[in-house]
PDB file of N, CA and C in Angstrom:
ATOM      1  N   MET A   1     134.411 -48.082  22.568  1.00  0.00           N
ATOM      2  CA  MET A   1     133.257 -48.038  21.735  1.00  0.00           C
ATOM      3  C   MET A   1     133.400 -49.001  20.569  1.00  0.00           C
ATOM      4  N   LYS A   2     132.258 -49.571  20.210  1.00  0.00           N
ATOM      5  CA  LYS A   2     132.240 -50.476  19.088  1.00  0.00           C
ATOM      6  C   LYS A   2     132.034 -49.694  17.798  1.00  0.00           C
ATOM      7  N   LYS A   3     132.700 -50.133  16.768  1.00  0.00           N
ATOM      8  CA  LYS A   3     132.499 -49.505  15.464  1.00  0.00           C
ATOM      9  C   LYS A   3     131.246 -50.085  14.826  1.00  0.00           C
ATOM     10  N   LYS A   4     130.474 -49.209  14.234  1.00  0.00           N
ATOM     11  CA  LYS A   4     129.273 -49.658  13.542  1.00  0.00           C
ATOM     12  C   LYS A   4     129.659 -50.174  12.163  1.00  0.00           C
ATOM     13  N   LYS A   5     129.074 -51.285  11.813  1.00  0.00           N
ATOM     14  CA  LYS A   5     129.308 -51.823  10.484  1.00  0.00           C
ATOM     15  C   LYS A   5     128.363 -51.121   9.510  1.00  0.00           C
ATOM     16  N   ILE A   6     128.925 -50.637   8.457  1.00  0.00           N
ATOM     17  CA  ILE A   6     128.127 -49.941   7.462  1.00  0.00           C
ATOM     18  C   ILE A   6     127.664 -50.966   6.427  1.00  0.00           C
ATOM     19  N   LYS A   7     126.364 -51.074   6.304  1.00  0.00           N
ATOM     20  CA  LYS A   7     125.802 -51.974   5.310  1.00  0.00           C
ATOM     21  C   LYS A   7     125.449 -51.154   4.081  1.00  0.00           C
ATOM     22  N   ASN A   8     125.967 -51.577   2.953  1.00  0.00           N
ATOM     23  CA  ASN A   8     125.657 -50.877   1.715  1.00  0.00           C
ATOM     24  C   ASN A   8     124.331 -51.385   1.182  1.00  0.00           C
ATOM     25  N   LYS A   9     123.380 -50.494   1.100  1.00  0.00           N
ATOM     26  CA  LYS A   9     122.076 -50.861   0.585  1.00  0.00           C
ATOM     27  C   LYS A   9     121.982 -50.401  -0.862  1.00  0.00           C
ATOM     28  N   ILE A  10     121.361 -51.226  -1.650  1.00  0.00           N
ATOM     29  CA  ILE A  10     121.157 -50.887  -3.055  1.00  0.00           C
ATOM     30  C   ILE A  10     119.843 -50.127  -3.158  1.00  0.00           C
ATOM     31  N   THR A  11     119.931 -48.914  -3.677  1.00  0.00           N
ATOM     32  CA  THR A  11     118.734 -48.100  -3.831  1.00  0.00           C
ATOM     33  C   THR A  11     118.045 -48.447  -5.144  1.00  0.00           C
ATOM     34  N   ILE A  12     116.859 -47.929  -5.326  1.00  0.00           N
ATOM     35  CA  ILE A  12     116.091 -48.193  -6.549  1.00  0.00           C
ATOM     36  C   ILE A  12     116.807 -47.612  -7.762  1.00  0.00           C
ATOM     37  N   THR A  13     117.363 -46.416  -7.605  1.00  0.00           N
ATOM     38  CA  THR A  13     118.058 -45.794  -8.740  1.00  0.00           C
ATOM     39  C   THR A  13     119.304 -46.585  -9.129  1.00  0.00           C
ATOM     40  N   ASP A  14     120.023 -47.119  -8.135  1.00  0.00           N
ATOM     41  CA  ASP A  14     121.188 -47.951  -8.426  1.00  0.00           C
ATOM     42  C   ASP A  14     120.773 -49.201  -9.196  1.00  0.00           C
ATOM     43  N   TYR A  15     119.665 -49.793  -8.787  1.00  0.00           N
ATOM     44  CA  TYR A  15     119.168 -51.000  -9.451  1.00  0.00           C
ATOM     45  C   TYR A  15     118.775 -50.710 -10.894  1.00  0.00           C
ATOM     46  N   ILE A  16     118.059 -49.606 -11.108  1.00  0.00           N
ATOM     47  CA  ILE A  16     117.628 -49.244 -12.465  1.00  0.00           C
ATOM     48  C   ILE A  16     118.829 -48.979 -13.356  1.00  0.00           C
ATOM     49  N   ASN A  17     119.811 -48.245 -12.850  1.00  0.00           N
ATOM     50  CA  ASN A  17     121.009 -47.954 -13.644  1.00  0.00           C
ATOM     51  C   ASN A  17     121.777 -49.222 -13.986  1.00  0.00           C
ATOM     52  N   ALA A  18     121.862 -50.158 -13.055  1.00  0.00           N
ATOM     53  CA  ALA A  18     122.568 -51.408 -13.308  1.00  0.00           C
ATOM     54  C   ALA A  18     121.852 -52.240 -14.365  1.00  0.00           C
ATOM     55  N   VAL A  19     120.527 -52.278 -14.309  1.00  0.00           N
ATOM     56  CA  VAL A  19     119.752 -53.034 -15.291  1.00  0.00           C
ATOM     57  C   VAL A  19     119.892 -52.414 -16.676  1.00  0.00           C
ATOM     58  N   LYS A  20     119.837 -51.086 -16.759  1.00  0.00           N
ATOM     59  CA  LYS A  20     119.998 -50.395 -18.045  1.00  0.00           C
ATOM     60  C   LYS A  20     121.371 -50.672 -18.652  1.00  0.00           C
ATOM     61  N   LYS A  21     122.398 -50.605 -17.827  1.00  0.00           N
ATOM     62  CA  LYS A  21     123.760 -50.833 -18.305  1.00  0.00           C
ATOM     63  C   LYS A  21     123.922 -52.274 -18.786  1.00  0.00           C
ATOM     64  N   ALA A  22     123.393 -53.223 -18.033  1.00  0.00           N
ATOM     65  CA  ALA A  22     123.492 -54.628 -18.417  1.00  0.00           C
ATOM     66  C   ALA A  22     122.717 -54.902 -19.700  1.00  0.00           C
ATOM     67  N   ASP A  23     121.545 -54.304 -19.833  1.00  0.00           N
ATOM     68  CA  ASP A  23     120.736 -54.482 -21.035  1.00  0.00           C
ATOM     69  C   ASP A  23     121.449 -53.935 -22.258  1.00  0.00           C
ATOM     70  N   ARG A  24     122.070 -52.772 -22.106  1.00  0.00           N
ATOM     71  CA  ARG A  24     122.812 -52.166 -23.223  1.00  0.00           C
ATOM     72  C   ARG A  24     124.001 -53.036 -23.617  1.00  0.00           C
ATOM     73  N   GLU A  25     124.706 -53.584 -22.643  1.00  0.00           N
ATOM     74  CA  GLU A  25     125.849 -54.455 -22.929  1.00  0.00           C
ATOM     75  C   GLU A  25     125.387 -55.705 -23.678  1.00  0.00           C
ATOM     76  N   ILE A  26     124.251 -56.266 -23.290  1.00  0.00           N
ATOM     77  CA  ILE A  26     123.713 -57.447 -23.971  1.00  0.00           C
ATOM     78  C   ILE A  26     123.347 -57.108 -25.405  1.00  0.00           C
ATOM     79  N   GLN A  27     122.733 -55.945 -25.624  1.00  0.00           N
ATOM     80  CA  GLN A  27     122.378 -55.521 -26.981  1.00  0.00           C
ATOM     81  C   GLN A  27     123.607 -55.383 -27.858  1.00  0.00           C
ATOM     82  N   ILE A  28     124.676 -54.811 -27.317  1.00  0.00           N
ATOM     83  CA  ILE A  28     125.895 -54.603 -28.089  1.00  0.00           C
ATOM     84  C   ILE A  28     126.532 -55.940 -28.452  1.00  0.00           C
ATOM     85  N   THR A  29     126.561 -56.886 -27.506  1.00  0.00           N
ATOM     86  CA  THR A  29     127.194 -58.174 -27.796  1.00  0.00           C
ATOM     87  C   THR A  29     126.370 -59.009 -28.775  1.00  0.00           C
ATOM     88  N   GLU A  30     125.031 -58.891 -28.737  1.00  0.00           N
ATOM     89  CA  GLU A  30     124.180 -59.684 -29.616  1.00  0.00           C
ATOM     90  C   GLU A  30     124.031 -59.092 -31.008  1.00  0.00           C
ATOM     91  N   SER A  31     124.328 -57.788 -31.170  1.00  0.00           N
ATOM     92  CA  SER A  31     124.133 -57.149 -32.466  1.00  0.00           C
ATOM     93  C   SER A  31     125.197 -57.632 -33.454  1.00  0.00           C
ATOM     94  N   THR A  32     124.779 -57.731 -34.708  1.00  0.00           N
ATOM     95  CA  THR A  32     125.713 -58.139 -35.749  1.00  0.00           C
ATOM     96  C   THR A  32     126.282 -56.903 -36.412  1.00  0.00           C
ATOM     97  N   GLY A  33     127.560 -56.922 -36.697  1.00  0.00           N
ATOM     98  CA  GLY A  33     128.191 -55.791 -37.349  1.00  0.00           C
ATOM     99  C   GLY A  33     128.498 -54.661 -36.386  1.00  0.00           C
ATOM    100  N   TRP A  34     128.789 -53.509 -36.960  1.00  0.00           N
ATOM    101  CA  TRP A  34     129.186 -52.342 -36.187  1.00  0.00           C
ATOM    102  C   TRP A  34     127.965 -51.582 -35.716  1.00  0.00           C
ATOM    103  N   GLN A  35     128.009 -51.122 -34.467  1.00  0.00           N
ATOM    104  CA  GLN A  35     126.919 -50.320 -33.932  1.00  0.00           C
ATOM    105  C   GLN A  35     127.499 -49.233 -33.043  1.00  0.00           C
ATOM    106  N   ARG A  36     127.005 -48.036 -33.217  1.00  0.00           N
ATOM    107  CA  ARG A  36     127.524 -46.906 -32.453  1.00  0.00           C
ATOM    108  C   ARG A  36     127.049 -47.007 -30.999  1.00  0.00           C
ATOM    109  N   ILE A  37     127.934 -46.688 -30.069  1.00  0.00           N
ATOM    110  CA  ILE A  37     127.627 -46.821 -28.643  1.00  0.00           C
ATOM    111  C   ILE A  37     127.017 -45.535 -28.103  1.00  0.00           C
ATOM    112  N   THR A  38     127.516 -44.398 -28.549  1.00  0.00           N
ATOM    113  CA  THR A  38     127.052 -43.119 -28.017  1.00  0.00           C
ATOM    114  C   THR A  38     126.126 -42.451 -29.025  1.00  0.00           C
ATOM    115  N   LYS A  39     124.947 -43.001 -29.211  1.00  0.00           N
ATOM    116  CA  LYS A  39     123.986 -42.460 -30.153  1.00  0.00           C
ATOM    117  C   LYS A  39     123.214 -41.329 -29.492  1.00  0.00           C
ATOM    118  N   VAL A  40     123.118 -40.196 -30.177  1.00  0.00           N
ATOM    119  CA  VAL A  40     122.426 -39.038 -29.646  1.00  0.00           C
ATOM    120  C   VAL A  40     120.989 -39.069 -30.142  1.00  0.00           C
ATOM    121  N   HIS A  41     120.057 -38.896 -29.217  1.00  0.00           N
ATOM    122  CA  HIS A  41     118.643 -38.888 -29.567  1.00  0.00           C
ATOM    123  C   HIS A  41     118.287 -37.531 -30.154  1.00  0.00           C
ATOM    124  N   LYS A  42     117.678 -37.527 -31.347  1.00  0.00           N
ATOM    125  CA  LYS A  42     117.301 -36.279 -31.998  1.00  0.00           C
ATOM    126  C   LYS A  42     115.879 -35.909 -31.580  1.00  0.00           C
ATOM    127  N   ASN A  43     115.718 -34.687 -31.132  1.00  0.00           N
ATOM    128  CA  ASN A  43     114.421 -34.198 -30.685  1.00  0.00           C
ATOM    129  C   ASN A  43     113.517 -33.950 -31.888  1.00  0.00           C
ATOM    130  N   LYS A  44     112.253 -34.342 -31.798  1.00  0.00           N
ATOM    131  CA  LYS A  44     111.316 -34.155 -32.898  1.00  0.00           C
ATOM    132  C   LYS A  44     110.963 -32.688 -33.101  1.00  0.00           C
ATOM    133  N   LYS A  45     111.059 -31.894 -32.049  1.00  0.00           N
ATOM    134  CA  LYS A  45     110.655 -30.502 -32.124  1.00  0.00           C
ATOM    135  C   LYS A  45     111.730 -29.576 -32.699  1.00  0.00           C
ATOM    136  N   VAL A  46     112.937 -30.076 -32.884  1.00  0.00           N
ATOM    137  CA  VAL A  46     114.025 -29.251 -33.376  1.00  0.00           C
ATOM    138  C   VAL A  46     113.770 -28.871 -34.834  1.00  0.00           C
ATOM    139  N   TYR A  47     114.027 -27.626 -35.166  1.00  0.00           N
ATOM    140  CA  TYR A  47     113.832 -27.136 -36.523  1.00  0.00           C
ATOM    141  C   TYR A  47     114.871 -27.762 -37.431  1.00  0.00           C
ATOM    142  N   ASP A  48     114.430 -28.359 -38.511  1.00  0.00           N
ATOM    143  CA  ASP A  48     115.322 -28.993 -39.471  1.00  0.00           C
ATOM    144  C   ASP A  48     115.043 -28.397 -40.850  1.00  0.00           C
ATOM    145  N   ARG A  49     115.969 -27.614 -41.355  1.00  0.00           N
ATOM    146  CA  ARG A  49     115.760 -26.883 -42.600  1.00  0.00           C
ATOM    147  C   ARG A  49     115.547 -27.830 -43.780  1.00  0.00           C
ATOM    148  N   LYS A  50     116.331 -28.901 -43.858  1.00  0.00           N
ATOM    149  CA  LYS A  50     116.205 -29.828 -44.986  1.00  0.00           C
ATOM    150  C   LYS A  50     114.849 -30.527 -44.985  1.00  0.00           C
ATOM    151  N   LYS A  51     114.391 -30.913 -43.816  1.00  0.00           N
ATOM    152  CA  LYS A  51     113.107 -31.595 -43.720  1.00  0.00           C
ATOM    153  C   LYS A  51     111.964 -30.659 -44.113  1.00  0.00           C
ATOM    154  N   GLU A  52     112.031 -29.416 -43.633  1.00  0.00           N
ATOM    155  CA  GLU A  52     111.007 -28.429 -43.971  1.00  0.00           C
ATOM    156  C   GLU A  52     111.007 -28.142 -45.471  1.00  0.00           C
ATOM    157  N   LYS A  53     112.186 -28.083 -46.078  1.00  0.00           N
ATOM    158  CA  LYS A  53     112.298 -27.819 -47.511  1.00  0.00           C
ATOM    159  C   LYS A  53     111.680 -28.953 -48.314  1.00  0.00           C
ATOM    160  N   ASN A  54     111.912 -30.199 -47.908  1.00  0.00           N
ATOM    161  CA  ASN A  54     111.345 -31.353 -48.599  1.00  0.00           C
ATOM    162  C   ASN A  54     109.828 -31.378 -48.474  1.00  0.00           C
ATOM    163  N   ASN A  55     109.312 -31.047 -47.302  1.00  0.00           N
ATOM    164  CA  ASN A  55     107.862 -31.007 -47.105  1.00  0.00           C
ATOM    165  C   ASN A  55     107.223 -29.923 -47.967  1.00  0.00           C
ATOM    166  N   PHE A  56     107.897 -28.793 -48.111  1.00  0.00           N
ATOM    167  CA  PHE A  56     107.369 -27.688 -48.906  1.00  0.00           C
ATOM    168  C   PHE A  56     107.289 -28.090 -50.385  1.00  0.00           C
ATOM    169  N   LYS A  57     108.319 -28.796 -50.876  1.00  0.00           N
ATOM    170  CA  LYS A  57     108.333 -29.219 -52.281  1.00  0.00           C
ATOM    171  C   LYS A  57     107.200 -30.199 -52.569  1.00  0.00           C
ATOM    172  N   THR A  58     106.977 -31.146 -51.689  1.00  0.00           N
ATOM    173  CA  THR A  58     105.927 -32.142 -51.927  1.00  0.00           C
ATOM    174  C   THR A  58     104.550 -31.519 -51.836  1.00  0.00           C
ATOM    175  N   ASP A  59     104.362 -30.530 -50.967  1.00  0.00           N
ATOM    176  CA  ASP A  59     103.079 -29.853 -50.850  1.00  0.00           C
ATOM    177  C   ASP A  59     102.757 -29.050 -52.110  1.00  0.00           C
ATOM    178  N   ASN A  60     103.751 -28.406 -52.689  1.00  0.00           N
ATOM    179  CA  ASN A  60     103.534 -27.581 -53.872  1.00  0.00           C
ATOM    180  C   ASN A  60     103.291 -28.433 -55.120  1.00  0.00           C
ATOM    181  N   ASN A  61     103.828 -29.630 -55.173  1.00  0.00           N
ATOM    182  CA  ASN A  61     103.630 -30.504 -56.322  1.00  0.00           C
ATOM    183  C   ASN A  61     102.199 -31.012 -56.407  1.00  0.00           C
ATOM    184  N   ASP A  62     101.511 -31.070 -55.291  1.00  0.00           N
ATOM    185  CA  ASP A  62     100.127 -31.553 -55.278  1.00  0.00           C
ATOM    186  C   ASP A  62      99.162 -30.548 -55.899  1.00  0.00           C
ATOM    187  N   ILE A  63      99.513 -29.287 -55.871  1.00  0.00           N
ATOM    188  CA  ILE A  63      98.594 -28.251 -56.355  1.00  0.00           C
ATOM    189  C   ILE A  63      98.545 -28.208 -57.860  1.00  0.00           C
TER     190      ILE A  63
END
């Protein structure tokens, strides 16, 4: 029996991940100074006590 040759096909998800990784690497090399690599995205809906406190102070000053 003949062995079948396995052809590795690049899927759409593989392509997207490769483009994202390459784009991020280009951004890091082109940026001036220090830049954090593992930046965590902060959700807008998360309760933030300091932000709420600041909004309350500015609202009360208007009255």
